[in-house]
Amino acid sequence: MNRKDKLVKRFKTLPRDFTFDEVVSLFQSYGFELTNKGATSGSRIKFYNAADQNAYIMHKPHPSNIIKGYIMRDILNFLLKNNYIK
């Protein structure tokens, strides 16, 4: 089991201590790039996959680096719906 598989397996359990850095790694493993939504976007960021033109927009968590549960479920649904995770 490689690093990506371990990260996906951990993510699927929806842990309460999943960090923003792990989300970035997860999206990057599927070919997404992290971009800022714009000059006035604040904490809003966008993961964009140029190959299939999918995008996921979210806010960076603050003040903590831990992703909230409802966002974890939303990301999981996005990745499942777009066939990145089976």
PDB file of N, CA and C in Angstrom:
ATOM      1  N   MET A   1       0.851  -1.172   0.000  1.00  0.00           N
ATOM      2  CA  MET A   1       0.000   0.000   0.000  1.00  0.00           C
ATOM      3  C   MET A   1       0.900   1.239   0.000  1.00  0.00           C
ATOM      4  N   ASN A   2       0.715   2.079  -1.011  1.00  0.00           N
ATOM      5  CA  ASN A   2       1.556   3.267  -1.093  1.00  0.00           C
ATOM      6  C   ASN A   2       0.982   4.414  -0.253  1.00  0.00           C
ATOM      7  N   ARG A   3       1.677   5.532  -0.290  1.00  0.00           N
ATOM      8  CA  ARG A   3       1.317   6.685   0.539  1.00  0.00           C
ATOM      9  C   ARG A   3      -0.076   7.229   0.205  1.00  0.00           C
ATOM     10  N   LYS A   4      -0.389   7.293  -1.103  1.00  0.00           N
ATOM     11  CA  LYS A   4      -1.695   7.797  -1.536  1.00  0.00           C
ATOM     12  C   LYS A   4      -2.805   6.890  -1.033  1.00  0.00           C
ATOM     13  N   ASP A   5      -2.615   5.580  -1.151  1.00  0.00           N
ATOM     14  CA  ASP A   5      -3.636   4.634  -0.693  1.00  0.00           C
ATOM     15  C   ASP A   5      -3.881   4.757   0.810  1.00  0.00           C
ATOM     16  N   LYS A   6      -2.805   4.951   1.566  1.00  0.00           N
ATOM     17  CA  LYS A   6      -2.945   5.113   3.021  1.00  0.00           C
ATOM     18  C   LYS A   6      -3.716   6.386   3.351  1.00  0.00           C
ATOM     19  N   LEU A   7      -3.416   7.465   2.617  1.00  0.00           N
ATOM     20  CA  LEU A   7      -4.107   8.729   2.851  1.00  0.00           C
ATOM     21  C   LEU A   7      -5.590   8.609   2.510  1.00  0.00           C
ATOM     22  N   VAL A   8      -5.911   7.962   1.397  1.00  0.00           N
ATOM     23  CA  VAL A   8      -7.308   7.778   0.995  1.00  0.00           C
ATOM     24  C   VAL A   8      -8.040   6.903   2.008  1.00  0.00           C
ATOM     25  N   LYS A   9      -7.394   5.841   2.449  1.00  0.00           N
ATOM     26  CA  LYS A   9      -8.013   4.948   3.436  1.00  0.00           C
ATOM     27  C   LYS A   9      -8.312   5.712   4.722  1.00  0.00           C
ATOM     28  N   ARG A  10      -7.361   6.526   5.169  1.00  0.00           N
ATOM     29  CA  ARG A  10      -7.569   7.346   6.376  1.00  0.00           C
ATOM     30  C   ARG A  10      -8.687   8.349   6.154  1.00  0.00           C
ATOM     31  N   PHE A  11      -8.702   8.986   4.988  1.00  0.00           N
ATOM     32  CA  PHE A  11      -9.719   9.999   4.685  1.00  0.00           C
ATOM     33  C   PHE A  11     -11.125   9.394   4.682  1.00  0.00           C
ATOM     34  N   LYS A  12     -11.274   8.194   4.127  1.00  0.00           N
ATOM     35  CA  LYS A  12     -12.594   7.552   4.036  1.00  0.00           C
ATOM     36  C   LYS A  12     -13.219   7.287   5.402  1.00  0.00           C
ATOM     37  N   THR A  13     -12.402   7.206   6.441  1.00  0.00           N
ATOM     38  CA  THR A  13     -12.943   6.982   7.787  1.00  0.00           C
ATOM     39  C   THR A  13     -13.442   8.287   8.413  1.00  0.00           C
ATOM     40  N   LEU A  14     -13.237   9.408   7.712  1.00  0.00           N
ATOM     41  CA  LEU A  14     -13.629  10.744   8.175  1.00  0.00           C
ATOM     42  C   LEU A  14     -13.119  11.037   9.593  1.00  0.00           C
ATOM     43  N   PRO A  15     -11.792  10.987   9.773  1.00  0.00           N
ATOM     44  CA  PRO A  15     -11.240  11.229  11.111  1.00  0.00           C
ATOM     45  C   PRO A  15     -11.455  12.674  11.549  1.00  0.00           C
ATOM     46  N   ARG A  16     -11.484  12.869  12.839  1.00  0.00           N
ATOM     47  CA  ARG A  16     -11.719  14.209  13.379  1.00  0.00           C
ATOM     48  C   ARG A  16     -10.448  15.048  13.432  1.00  0.00           C
ATOM     49  N   ASP A  17      -9.307  14.449  13.101  1.00  0.00           N
ATOM     50  CA  ASP A  17      -8.042  15.182  13.170  1.00  0.00           C
ATOM     51  C   ASP A  17      -7.378  15.322  11.798  1.00  0.00           C
ATOM     52  N   PHE A  18      -8.158  15.277  10.727  1.00  0.00           N
ATOM     53  CA  PHE A  18      -7.637  15.418   9.370  1.00  0.00           C
ATOM     54  C   PHE A  18      -7.291  16.889   9.144  1.00  0.00           C
ATOM     55  N   THR A  19      -6.066  17.155   8.689  1.00  0.00           N
ATOM     56  CA  THR A  19      -5.594  18.538   8.579  1.00  0.00           C
ATOM     57  C   THR A  19      -5.767  19.078   7.154  1.00  0.00           C
ATOM     58  N   PHE A  20      -5.642  20.380   7.037  1.00  0.00           N
ATOM     59  CA  PHE A  20      -5.719  21.036   5.734  1.00  0.00           C
ATOM     60  C   PHE A  20      -4.590  20.560   4.830  1.00  0.00           C
ATOM     61  N   ASP A  21      -3.409  20.360   5.393  1.00  0.00           N
ATOM     62  CA  ASP A  21      -2.272  19.879   4.605  1.00  0.00           C
ATOM     63  C   ASP A  21      -2.552  18.498   4.013  1.00  0.00           C
ATOM     64  N   GLU A  22      -3.240  17.661   4.768  1.00  0.00           N
ATOM     65  CA  GLU A  22      -3.615  16.339   4.258  1.00  0.00           C
ATOM     66  C   GLU A  22      -4.637  16.454   3.135  1.00  0.00           C
ATOM     67  N   VAL A  23      -5.559  17.414   3.236  1.00  0.00           N
ATOM     68  CA  VAL A  23      -6.534  17.648   2.166  1.00  0.00           C
ATOM     69  C   VAL A  23      -5.817  18.098   0.902  1.00  0.00           C
ATOM     70  N   VAL A  24      -4.839  18.975   1.050  1.00  0.00           N
ATOM     71  CA  VAL A  24      -4.060  19.435  -0.102  1.00  0.00           C
ATOM     72  C   VAL A  24      -3.357  18.247  -0.754  1.00  0.00           C
ATOM     73  N   SER A  25      -2.740  17.395   0.044  1.00  0.00           N
ATOM     74  CA  SER A  25      -2.069  16.200  -0.491  1.00  0.00           C
ATOM     75  C   SER A  25      -3.043  15.271  -1.186  1.00  0.00           C
ATOM     76  N   LEU A  26      -4.231  15.110  -0.609  1.00  0.00           N
ATOM     77  CA  LEU A  26      -5.251  14.251  -1.191  1.00  0.00           C
ATOM     78  C   LEU A  26      -5.663  14.760  -2.568  1.00  0.00           C
ATOM     79  N   PHE A  27      -5.986  16.040  -2.656  1.00  0.00           N
ATOM     80  CA  PHE A  27      -6.391  16.610  -3.939  1.00  0.00           C
ATOM     81  C   PHE A  27      -5.243  16.572  -4.948  1.00  0.00           C
ATOM     82  N   GLN A  28      -4.025  16.870  -4.512  1.00  0.00           N
ATOM     83  CA  GLN A  28      -2.883  16.849  -5.421  1.00  0.00           C
ATOM     84  C   GLN A  28      -2.609  15.454  -5.955  1.00  0.00           C
ATOM     85  N   SER A  29      -2.913  14.429  -5.172  1.00  0.00           N
ATOM     86  CA  SER A  29      -2.697  13.059  -5.642  1.00  0.00           C
ATOM     87  C   SER A  29      -3.642  12.690  -6.777  1.00  0.00           C
ATOM     88  N   TYR A  30      -4.738  13.439  -6.928  1.00  0.00           N
ATOM     89  CA  TYR A  30      -5.671  13.226  -8.037  1.00  0.00           C
ATOM     90  C   TYR A  30      -5.492  14.252  -9.152  1.00  0.00           C
ATOM     91  N   GLY A  31      -4.413  15.009  -9.128  1.00  0.00           N
ATOM     92  CA  GLY A  31      -4.091  15.941 -10.199  1.00  0.00           C
ATOM     93  C   GLY A  31      -4.641  17.345 -10.033  1.00  0.00           C
ATOM     94  N   PHE A  32      -5.136  17.683  -8.861  1.00  0.00           N
ATOM     95  CA  PHE A  32      -5.659  19.024  -8.609  1.00  0.00           C
ATOM     96  C   PHE A  32      -4.523  19.960  -8.213  1.00  0.00           C
ATOM     97  N   GLU A  33      -4.694  21.231  -8.560  1.00  0.00           N
ATOM     98  CA  GLU A  33      -3.758  22.270  -8.149  1.00  0.00           C
ATOM     99  C   GLU A  33      -4.482  23.224  -7.210  1.00  0.00           C
ATOM    100  N   LEU A  34      -3.780  23.688  -6.207  1.00  0.00           N
ATOM    101  CA  LEU A  34      -4.329  24.636  -5.252  1.00  0.00           C
ATOM    102  C   LEU A  34      -4.137  26.043  -5.788  1.00  0.00           C
ATOM    103  N   THR A  35      -5.230  26.796  -5.913  1.00  0.00           N
ATOM    104  CA  THR A  35      -5.146  28.176  -6.366  1.00  0.00           C
ATOM    105  C   THR A  35      -5.937  29.067  -5.422  1.00  0.00           C
ATOM    106  N   ASN A  36      -5.558  30.323  -5.390  1.00  0.00           N
ATOM    107  CA  ASN A  36      -6.307  31.305  -4.624  1.00  0.00           C
ATOM    108  C   ASN A  36      -7.486  31.740  -5.474  1.00  0.00           C
ATOM    109  N   LYS A  37      -8.639  31.885  -4.895  1.00  0.00           N
ATOM    110  CA  LYS A  37      -9.846  32.212  -5.644  1.00  0.00           C
ATOM    111  C   LYS A  37      -9.781  33.602  -6.267  1.00  0.00           C
ATOM    112  N   GLY A  38      -8.984  34.486  -5.719  1.00  0.00           N
ATOM    113  CA  GLY A  38      -8.863  35.852  -6.235  1.00  0.00           C
ATOM    114  C   GLY A  38      -8.168  36.737  -5.222  1.00  0.00           C
ATOM    115  N   ALA A  39      -7.924  37.950  -5.603  1.00  0.00           N
ATOM    116  CA  ALA A  39      -7.196  38.866  -4.720  1.00  0.00           C
ATOM    117  C   ALA A  39      -7.976  39.184  -3.451  1.00  0.00           C
ATOM    118  N   THR A  40      -9.290  39.195  -3.532  1.00  0.00           N
ATOM    119  CA  THR A  40     -10.114  39.534  -2.378  1.00  0.00           C
ATOM    120  C   THR A  40     -10.858  38.317  -1.838  1.00  0.00           C
ATOM    121  N   SER A  41     -10.294  37.139  -2.022  1.00  0.00           N
ATOM    122  CA  SER A  41     -11.003  35.921  -1.642  1.00  0.00           C
ATOM    123  C   SER A  41     -10.903  35.594  -0.164  1.00  0.00           C
ATOM    124  N   GLY A  42     -10.015  36.229   0.554  1.00  0.00           N
ATOM    125  CA  GLY A  42      -9.849  35.918   1.968  1.00  0.00           C
ATOM    126  C   GLY A  42      -9.300  34.517   2.138  1.00  0.00           C
ATOM    127  N   SER A  43     -10.015  33.678   2.886  1.00  0.00           N
ATOM    128  CA  SER A  43      -9.529  32.322   3.134  1.00  0.00           C
ATOM    129  C   SER A  43     -10.070  31.318   2.114  1.00  0.00           C
ATOM    130  N   ARG A  44     -10.770  31.803   1.119  1.00  0.00           N
ATOM    131  CA  ARG A  44     -11.347  30.919   0.107  1.00  0.00           C
ATOM    132  C   ARG A  44     -10.267  30.457  -0.872  1.00  0.00           C
ATOM    133  N   ILE A  45     -10.233  29.148  -1.105  1.00  0.00           N
ATOM    134  CA  ILE A  45      -9.265  28.572  -2.034  1.00  0.00           C
ATOM    135  C   ILE A  45      -9.988  27.635  -2.996  1.00  0.00           C
ATOM    136  N   LYS A  46      -9.304  27.309  -4.086  1.00  0.00           N
ATOM    137  CA  LYS A  46      -9.909  26.435  -5.092  1.00  0.00           C
ATOM    138  C   LYS A  46      -8.913  25.361  -5.485  1.00  0.00           C
ATOM    139  N   PHE A  47      -9.409  24.126  -5.528  1.00  0.00           N
ATOM    140  CA  PHE A  47      -8.643  23.018  -6.083  1.00  0.00           C
ATOM    141  C   PHE A  47      -9.160  22.818  -7.495  1.00  0.00           C
ATOM    142  N   TYR A  48      -8.262  22.885  -8.486  1.00  0.00           N
ATOM    143  CA  TYR A  48      -8.675  22.796  -9.885  1.00  0.00           C
ATOM    144  C   TYR A  48      -7.897  21.703 -10.594  1.00  0.00           C
ATOM    145  N   ASN A  49      -8.619  20.857 -11.315  1.00  0.00           N
ATOM    146  CA  ASN A  49      -8.016  19.788 -12.102  1.00  0.00           C
ATOM    147  C   ASN A  49      -8.166  20.161 -13.568  1.00  0.00           C
ATOM    148  N   ALA A  50      -7.077  20.524 -14.219  1.00  0.00           N
ATOM    149  CA  ALA A  50      -7.115  20.973 -15.614  1.00  0.00           C
ATOM    150  C   ALA A  50      -7.454  19.835 -16.571  1.00  0.00           C
ATOM    151  N   ALA A  51      -7.108  18.601 -16.221  1.00  0.00           N
ATOM    152  CA  ALA A  51      -7.346  17.467 -17.114  1.00  0.00           C
ATOM    153  C   ALA A  51      -8.834  17.252 -17.377  1.00  0.00           C
ATOM    154  N   ASP A  52      -9.648  17.281 -16.338  1.00  0.00           N
ATOM    155  CA  ASP A  52     -11.094  17.078 -16.530  1.00  0.00           C
ATOM    156  C   ASP A  52     -11.922  18.293 -16.129  1.00  0.00           C
ATOM    157  N   GLN A  53     -11.259  19.389 -15.831  1.00  0.00           N
ATOM    158  CA  GLN A  53     -11.866  20.685 -15.533  1.00  0.00           C
ATOM    159  C   GLN A  53     -12.851  20.644 -14.362  1.00  0.00           C
ATOM    160  N   ASN A  54     -12.540  19.831 -13.355  1.00  0.00           N
ATOM    161  CA  ASN A  54     -13.311  19.820 -12.114  1.00  0.00           C
ATOM    162  C   ASN A  54     -12.688  20.801 -11.141  1.00  0.00           C
ATOM    163  N   ALA A  55     -13.520  21.393 -10.309  1.00  0.00           N
ATOM    164  CA  ALA A  55     -13.033  22.333  -9.306  1.00  0.00           C
ATOM    165  C   ALA A  55     -13.791  22.134  -8.008  1.00  0.00           C
ATOM    166  N   TYR A  56     -13.095  22.318  -6.916  1.00  0.00           N
ATOM    167  CA  TYR A  56     -13.709  22.273  -5.588  1.00  0.00           C
ATOM    168  C   TYR A  56     -13.262  23.516  -4.839  1.00  0.00           C
ATOM    169  N   ILE A  57     -14.227  24.280  -4.343  1.00  0.00           N
ATOM    170  CA  ILE A  57     -13.942  25.525  -3.625  1.00  0.00           C
ATOM    171  C   ILE A  57     -14.274  25.332  -2.156  1.00  0.00           C
ATOM    172  N   MET A  58     -13.371  25.785  -1.302  1.00  0.00           N
ATOM    173  CA  MET A  58     -13.594  25.691   0.139  1.00  0.00           C
ATOM    174  C   MET A  58     -12.863  26.827   0.842  1.00  0.00           C
ATOM    175  N   HIS A  59     -13.093  26.960   2.128  1.00  0.00           N
ATOM    176  CA  HIS A  59     -12.382  27.924   2.955  1.00  0.00           C
ATOM    177  C   HIS A  59     -11.292  27.195   3.728  1.00  0.00           C
ATOM    178  N   LYS A  60     -10.143  27.851   3.869  1.00  0.00           N
ATOM    179  CA  LYS A  60      -9.098  27.296   4.721  1.00  0.00           C
ATOM    180  C   LYS A  60      -9.611  27.339   6.151  1.00  0.00           C
ATOM    181  N   PRO A  61      -9.370  26.279   6.900  1.00  0.00           N
ATOM    182  CA  PRO A  61      -9.810  26.309   8.298  1.00  0.00           C
ATOM    183  C   PRO A  61      -8.951  27.280   9.113  1.00  0.00           C
ATOM    184  N   HIS A  62      -9.588  27.978  10.036  1.00  0.00           N
ATOM    185  CA  HIS A  62      -8.845  28.857  10.921  1.00  0.00           C
ATOM    186  C   HIS A  62      -9.634  29.047  12.198  1.00  0.00           C
ATOM    187  N   PRO A  63      -9.077  29.264  13.304  1.00  0.00           N
ATOM    188  CA  PRO A  63      -7.648  29.404  13.552  1.00  0.00           C
ATOM    189  C   PRO A  63      -6.917  28.057  13.591  1.00  0.00           C
ATOM    190  N   SER A  64      -7.648  26.970  13.695  1.00  0.00           N
ATOM    191  CA  SER A  64      -7.038  25.646  13.720  1.00  0.00           C
ATOM    192  C   SER A  64      -6.793  25.154  12.300  1.00  0.00           C
ATOM    193  N   ASN A  65      -5.979  24.139  12.136  1.00  0.00           N
ATOM    194  CA  ASN A  65      -5.670  23.575  10.828  1.00  0.00           C
ATOM    195  C   ASN A  65      -6.519  22.319  10.556  1.00  0.00           C
ATOM    196  N   ILE A  66      -7.435  21.982  11.480  1.00  0.00           N
ATOM    197  CA  ILE A  66      -8.249  20.771  11.390  1.00  0.00           C
ATOM    198  C   ILE A  66      -9.505  21.049  10.555  1.00  0.00           C
ATOM    199  N   ILE A  67      -9.815  20.110   9.642  1.00  0.00           N
ATOM    200  CA  ILE A  67     -10.989  20.233   8.780  1.00  0.00           C
ATOM    201  C   ILE A  67     -12.235  19.795   9.540  1.00  0.00           C
ATOM    202  N   LYS A  68     -13.293  20.562   9.441  1.00  0.00           N
ATOM    203  CA  LYS A  68     -14.550  20.240  10.120  1.00  0.00           C
ATOM    204  C   LYS A  68     -15.228  19.039   9.455  1.00  0.00           C
ATOM    205  N   GLY A  69     -16.059  18.344  10.233  1.00  0.00           N
ATOM    206  CA  GLY A  69     -16.710  17.122   9.777  1.00  0.00           C
ATOM    207  C   GLY A  69     -17.601  17.304   8.561  1.00  0.00           C
ATOM    208  N   TYR A  70     -18.378  18.381   8.522  1.00  0.00           N
ATOM    209  CA  TYR A  70     -19.285  18.573   7.391  1.00  0.00           C
ATOM    210  C   TYR A  70     -18.520  18.854   6.097  1.00  0.00           C
ATOM    211  N   ILE A  71     -17.353  19.470   6.202  1.00  0.00           N
ATOM    212  CA  ILE A  71     -16.526  19.707   5.021  1.00  0.00           C
ATOM    213  C   ILE A  71     -15.883  18.400   4.569  1.00  0.00           C
ATOM    214  N   MET A  72     -15.476  17.567   5.528  1.00  0.00           N
ATOM    215  CA  MET A  72     -14.929  16.248   5.186  1.00  0.00           C
ATOM    216  C   MET A  72     -15.953  15.437   4.399  1.00  0.00           C
ATOM    217  N   ARG A  73     -17.202  15.431   4.859  1.00  0.00           N
ATOM    218  CA  ARG A  73     -18.261  14.689   4.149  1.00  0.00           C
ATOM    219  C   ARG A  73     -18.510  15.281   2.764  1.00  0.00           C
ATOM    220  N   ASP A  74     -18.452  16.601   2.650  1.00  0.00           N
ATOM    221  CA  ASP A  74     -18.654  17.258   1.366  1.00  0.00           C
ATOM    222  C   ASP A  74     -17.528  16.904   0.382  1.00  0.00           C
ATOM    223  N   ILE A  75     -16.299  16.902   0.860  1.00  0.00           N
ATOM    224  CA  ILE A  75     -15.165  16.533   0.013  1.00  0.00           C
ATOM    225  C   ILE A  75     -15.285  15.076  -0.419  1.00  0.00           C
ATOM    226  N   LEU A  76     -15.647  14.197   0.519  1.00  0.00           N
ATOM    227  CA  LEU A  76     -15.814  12.777   0.187  1.00  0.00           C
ATOM    228  C   LEU A  76     -16.890  12.608  -0.876  1.00  0.00           C
ATOM    229  N   ASN A  77     -18.019  13.281  -0.726  1.00  0.00           N
ATOM    230  CA  ASN A  77     -19.087  13.198  -1.731  1.00  0.00           C
ATOM    231  C   ASN A  77     -18.620  13.712  -3.085  1.00  0.00           C
ATOM    232  N   PHE A  78     -17.857  14.795  -3.099  1.00  0.00           N
ATOM    233  CA  PHE A  78     -17.323  15.345  -4.353  1.00  0.00           C
ATOM    234  C   PHE A  78     -16.410  14.339  -5.040  1.00  0.00           C
ATOM    235  N   LEU A  79     -15.501  13.746  -4.270  1.00  0.00           N
ATOM    236  CA  LEU A  79     -14.546  12.785  -4.851  1.00  0.00           C
ATOM    237  C   LEU A  79     -15.242  11.508  -5.307  1.00  0.00           C
ATOM    238  N   LEU A  80     -16.258  11.066  -4.593  1.00  0.00           N
ATOM    239  CA  LEU A  80     -17.011   9.876  -4.997  1.00  0.00           C
ATOM    240  C   LEU A  80     -17.852  10.160  -6.250  1.00  0.00           C
ATOM    241  N   LYS A  81     -18.525  11.291  -6.263  1.00  0.00           N
ATOM    242  CA  LYS A  81     -19.401  11.662  -7.376  1.00  0.00           C
ATOM    243  C   LYS A  81     -18.622  11.797  -8.682  1.00  0.00           C
ATOM    244  N   ASN A  82     -17.393  12.288  -8.598  1.00  0.00           N
ATOM    245  CA  ASN A  82     -16.575  12.493  -9.782  1.00  0.00           C
ATOM    246  C   ASN A  82     -15.617  11.340 -10.057  1.00  0.00           C
ATOM    247  N   ASN A  83     -15.830  10.215  -9.397  1.00  0.00           N
ATOM    248  CA  ASN A  83     -15.090   8.963  -9.625  1.00  0.00           C
ATOM    249  C   ASN A  83     -13.588   9.054  -9.366  1.00  0.00           C
ATOM    250  N   TYR A  84     -13.187   9.859  -8.410  1.00  0.00           N
ATOM    251  CA  TYR A  84     -11.790   9.880  -8.006  1.00  0.00           C
ATOM    252  C   TYR A  84     -11.547   8.772  -6.971  1.00  0.00           C
ATOM    253  N   ILE A  85     -12.518   8.570  -6.092  1.00  0.00           N
ATOM    254  CA  ILE A  85     -12.462   7.524  -5.070  1.00  0.00           C
ATOM    255  C   ILE A  85     -13.582   6.544  -5.367  1.00  0.00           C
ATOM    256  N   LYS A  86     -13.270   5.287  -5.156  1.00  0.00           N
ATOM    257  CA  LYS A  86     -14.306   4.252  -5.347  1.00  0.00           C
ATOM    258  C   LYS A  86     -14.772   3.738  -4.028  1.00  0.00           C
TER     259      LYS A  86
END
